[in-house]
Every structure is written in structure tokens, then in C-alpha cells.
């Protein structure tokens, strides 16, 4: 599943998940996600 947001009452992200905290994600490590949402950059 891609694009799921869930709340967890822990101090770690479950395996295979990432934090929803505004950090940048590398495109080459998240190709499935970027193929769905599209690639938007400041210069595109």
C-alpha cells in the first residue's frame, strides 16, 4: 500500500514505513511512491 498515514504511539516507525515529518525522500529509493504522486521539484 502506498500513501497511507497512520498514528503510532511509539518512538520508532514500523518496518517499511517512514516518518511524515516533512523530510526529503530520495527519488531513487522510493520509485513506486514517486511514480504515483509524480516528481515535483522547484525547477520542473
N, C-alpha and C. Protein backbone atom coordinates (compact mmCIF):
# COMPACT_ATOMS: atom_id res chain seq x y z
N UNK A 1 0.85 -1.17 0.00
CA UNK A 1 0.00 0.00 0.00
C UNK A 1 0.90 1.23 0.00
N UNK A 2 0.55 2.19 -0.82
CA UNK A 2 1.30 3.44 -0.88
C UNK A 2 0.41 4.60 -0.45
N UNK A 3 0.98 5.52 0.28
CA UNK A 3 0.27 6.73 0.65
C UNK A 3 -0.64 6.60 1.86
N UNK A 4 -0.33 5.71 2.76
CA UNK A 4 -1.14 5.51 3.96
C UNK A 4 -0.52 6.29 5.11
N UNK A 5 -1.34 7.04 5.85
CA UNK A 5 -0.87 7.78 7.03
C UNK A 5 -1.56 7.19 8.24
N UNK A 6 -0.79 6.85 9.26
CA UNK A 6 -1.35 6.24 10.47
C UNK A 6 -0.63 6.81 11.69
N UNK A 7 -1.33 6.84 12.82
CA UNK A 7 -0.75 7.29 14.07
C UNK A 7 -0.23 6.09 14.86
N UNK A 8 0.97 6.22 15.42
CA UNK A 8 1.55 5.17 16.25
C UNK A 8 2.04 5.81 17.54
N UNK A 9 1.78 5.19 18.64
CA UNK A 9 2.20 5.71 19.94
C UNK A 9 3.53 5.06 20.35
N UNK A 10 4.51 5.17 19.46
CA UNK A 10 5.84 4.63 19.73
C UNK A 10 6.87 5.67 19.35
N UNK A 11 8.12 5.39 19.65
CA UNK A 11 9.19 6.31 19.29
C UNK A 11 9.98 5.81 18.08
N UNK A 12 9.37 4.95 17.26
CA UNK A 12 10.00 4.44 16.06
C UNK A 12 8.93 4.22 14.99
N UNK A 13 9.37 4.23 13.74
CA UNK A 13 8.46 3.93 12.63
C UNK A 13 8.49 2.43 12.37
N UNK A 14 7.34 1.82 12.07
CA UNK A 14 7.33 0.39 11.76
C UNK A 14 8.20 0.08 10.55
N UNK A 15 8.64 -1.15 10.43
CA UNK A 15 9.50 -1.57 9.33
C UNK A 15 8.80 -1.29 8.00
N UNK A 16 9.52 -0.68 7.07
CA UNK A 16 8.97 -0.37 5.76
C UNK A 16 8.20 0.94 5.71
N UNK A 17 8.09 1.66 6.81
CA UNK A 17 7.38 2.93 6.87
C UNK A 17 8.40 4.04 7.07
N UNK A 18 7.98 5.28 6.85
CA UNK A 18 8.83 6.43 7.11
C UNK A 18 8.04 7.47 7.87
N UNK A 19 8.73 8.37 8.51
CA UNK A 19 8.06 9.42 9.26
C UNK A 19 7.43 10.44 8.32
N UNK A 20 6.31 10.98 8.71
CA UNK A 20 5.63 12.04 7.96
C UNK A 20 5.97 13.35 8.67
N UNK A 21 7.21 13.79 8.49
CA UNK A 21 7.70 14.95 9.23
C UNK A 21 8.29 16.04 8.35
N UNK A 22 8.03 15.96 7.05
CA UNK A 22 8.49 16.99 6.14
C UNK A 22 9.89 16.79 5.59
N UNK A 23 10.55 15.70 5.96
CA UNK A 23 11.90 15.49 5.43
C UNK A 23 11.83 15.10 3.96
N UNK A 24 12.92 15.33 3.25
CA UNK A 24 13.00 15.00 1.84
C UNK A 24 13.31 13.52 1.67
N UNK A 25 12.64 12.88 0.72
CA UNK A 25 12.89 11.47 0.43
C UNK A 25 13.62 11.37 -0.90
N UNK A 26 14.68 10.54 -0.98
CA UNK A 26 15.37 10.38 -2.25
C UNK A 26 14.48 9.65 -3.27
N UNK A 27 14.41 10.17 -4.47
CA UNK A 27 13.56 9.58 -5.50
C UNK A 27 14.02 8.18 -5.85
N UNK A 28 15.33 7.96 -5.96
CA UNK A 28 15.84 6.64 -6.37
C UNK A 28 15.59 5.55 -5.32
N UNK A 29 15.27 5.91 -4.09
CA UNK A 29 14.96 4.91 -3.06
C UNK A 29 13.46 4.72 -2.88
N UNK A 30 12.65 5.55 -3.53
CA UNK A 30 11.19 5.50 -3.38
C UNK A 30 10.51 5.61 -4.74
N UNK A 31 10.94 4.80 -5.70
CA UNK A 31 10.46 4.93 -7.07
C UNK A 31 8.96 4.65 -7.20
N UNK A 32 8.43 3.68 -6.48
CA UNK A 32 6.99 3.39 -6.57
C UNK A 32 6.16 4.56 -6.08
N UNK A 33 6.55 5.17 -4.99
CA UNK A 33 5.83 6.32 -4.45
C UNK A 33 5.85 7.49 -5.42
N UNK A 34 7.04 7.81 -5.96
CA UNK A 34 7.15 8.94 -6.86
C UNK A 34 6.49 8.69 -8.21
N UNK A 35 6.36 7.42 -8.61
CA UNK A 35 5.66 7.15 -9.87
C UNK A 35 4.17 7.39 -9.72
N UNK A 36 3.63 7.27 -8.53
CA UNK A 36 2.21 7.52 -8.29
C UNK A 36 1.93 9.00 -8.10
N UNK A 37 2.72 9.67 -7.25
CA UNK A 37 2.43 11.08 -6.95
C UNK A 37 3.06 12.02 -7.96
N UNK A 38 3.98 11.54 -8.78
CA UNK A 38 4.68 12.39 -9.74
C UNK A 38 5.90 13.01 -9.11
N UNK A 39 6.77 13.49 -9.92
CA UNK A 39 8.01 14.10 -9.45
C UNK A 39 7.90 15.60 -9.61
N UNK A 40 7.83 16.31 -8.49
CA UNK A 40 7.72 17.76 -8.48
C UNK A 40 8.97 18.32 -7.83
N UNK A 41 9.63 19.21 -8.52
CA UNK A 41 10.79 19.88 -7.95
C UNK A 41 10.61 21.38 -8.10
N UNK A 42 11.48 22.13 -7.51
CA UNK A 42 11.41 23.58 -7.63
C UNK A 42 11.73 24.05 -9.04
N UNK A 43 12.45 23.23 -9.80
CA UNK A 43 12.90 23.64 -11.11
C UNK A 43 12.15 22.96 -12.25
N UNK A 44 11.15 22.16 -11.96
CA UNK A 44 10.41 21.46 -13.02
C UNK A 44 9.24 22.28 -13.50
